[in-house]
Amino acid sequence: MPQLNPSPWFAILLFSWLVFLIILPPKIIAHTFPGEPALSTEKTKTEPWNWPWH
């Protein structure tokens, strides 16, 4: 029965885990988000909302 032959599927399994564990993590860790929020000590004044509650 050919579906029980592990040779092609085992190689695919090993290669996919190689990609997931060795190649992808450095690429994901090196990712930076554009427009990092700047730290500001200035407080903004907030106004209460006047919503008509029915």
C-alpha atoms as a PDB file:
ATOM      1  CA  MET A   1       0.000   0.000   0.000  1.00  0.00           C
ATOM      2  CA  PRO A   2       1.737   3.200  -1.141  1.00  0.00           C
ATOM      3  CA  GLN A   3       0.213   5.476   1.496  1.00  0.00           C
ATOM      4  CA  LEU A   4       2.178   3.591   4.171  1.00  0.00           C
ATOM      5  CA  ASN A   5       5.541   4.365   2.564  1.00  0.00           C
ATOM      6  CA  PRO A   6       7.079   6.962   4.963  1.00  0.00           C
ATOM      7  CA  SER A   7      10.017   8.056   2.820  1.00  0.00           C
ATOM      8  CA  PRO A   8       8.501  11.041   0.919  1.00  0.00           C
ATOM      9  CA  TRP A   9       6.292  12.189   3.788  1.00  0.00           C
ATOM     10  CA  PHE A  10       9.033  11.979   6.394  1.00  0.00           C
ATOM     11  CA  ALA A  11      11.303  14.184   4.259  1.00  0.00           C
ATOM     12  CA  ILE A  12       8.474  16.715   3.798  1.00  0.00           C
ATOM     13  CA  LEU A  13       7.825  16.698   7.551  1.00  0.00           C
ATOM     14  CA  LEU A  14      11.490  17.279   8.373  1.00  0.00           C
ATOM     15  CA  PHE A  15      11.869  20.051   5.803  1.00  0.00           C
ATOM     16  CA  SER A  16       8.742  21.860   6.996  1.00  0.00           C
ATOM     17  CA  TRP A  17       9.938  21.734  10.628  1.00  0.00           C
ATOM     18  CA  LEU A  18      13.335  22.961   9.498  1.00  0.00           C
ATOM     19  CA  VAL A  19      11.653  25.973   7.907  1.00  0.00           C
ATOM     20  CA  PHE A  20       9.444  26.653  10.924  1.00  0.00           C
ATOM     21  CA  LEU A  21      12.159  26.302  13.553  1.00  0.00           C
ATOM     22  CA  ILE A  22      15.279  27.688  11.861  1.00  0.00           C
ATOM     23  CA  ILE A  23      14.385  30.022   9.006  1.00  0.00           C
ATOM     24  CA  LEU A  24      11.213  31.805  10.143  1.00  0.00           C
ATOM     25  CA  PRO A  25      11.944  32.854  13.785  1.00  0.00           C
ATOM     26  CA  PRO A  26      14.845  35.243  12.953  1.00  0.00           C
ATOM     27  CA  LYS A  27      12.722  36.860  10.253  1.00  0.00           C
ATOM     28  CA  ILE A  28       9.807  37.314  12.639  1.00  0.00           C
ATOM     29  CA  ILE A  29      11.972  38.609  15.491  1.00  0.00           C
ATOM     30  CA  ALA A  30      13.714  41.128  13.196  1.00  0.00           C
ATOM     31  CA  HIS A  31      10.376  42.639  12.162  1.00  0.00           C
ATOM     32  CA  THR A  32       9.818  46.189  13.376  1.00  0.00           C
ATOM     33  CA  PHE A  33       6.609  48.124  13.222  1.00  0.00           C
ATOM     34  CA  PRO A  34       6.645  51.461  11.382  1.00  0.00           C
ATOM     35  CA  GLY A  35       5.596  54.498  13.374  1.00  0.00           C
ATOM     36  CA  GLU A  36       6.553  53.424  16.877  1.00  0.00           C
ATOM     37  CA  PRO A  37       4.645  55.554  19.404  1.00  0.00           C
ATOM     38  CA  ALA A  38       6.713  58.335  20.909  1.00  0.00           C
ATOM     39  CA  LEU A  39       6.831  58.633  24.675  1.00  0.00           C
ATOM     40  CA  SER A  40       5.150  61.850  25.735  1.00  0.00           C
ATOM     41  CA  THR A  41       4.911  63.220  29.257  1.00  0.00           C
ATOM     42  CA  GLU A  42       2.324  65.809  28.229  1.00  0.00           C
ATOM     43  CA  LYS A  43      -1.158  64.954  29.532  1.00  0.00           C
ATOM     44  CA  THR A  44      -4.088  65.640  27.270  1.00  0.00           C
ATOM     45  CA  LYS A  45      -7.245  67.118  28.750  1.00  0.00           C
ATOM     46  CA  THR A  46     -10.250  64.924  28.213  1.00  0.00           C
ATOM     47  CA  GLU A  47     -13.802  66.188  28.116  1.00  0.00           C
ATOM     48  CA  PRO A  48     -16.762  64.185  29.416  1.00  0.00           C
ATOM     49  CA  TRP A  49     -19.190  62.968  26.802  1.00  0.00           C
ATOM     50  CA  ASN A  50     -22.715  64.320  26.921  1.00  0.00           C
ATOM     51  CA  TRP A  51     -24.728  61.448  25.536  1.00  0.00           C
ATOM     52  CA  PRO A  52     -28.497  61.596  25.690  1.00  0.00           C
ATOM     53  CA  TRP A  53     -29.427  58.423  27.563  1.00  0.00           C
ATOM     54  CA  HIS A  54     -32.960  57.267  26.876  1.00  0.00           C
END
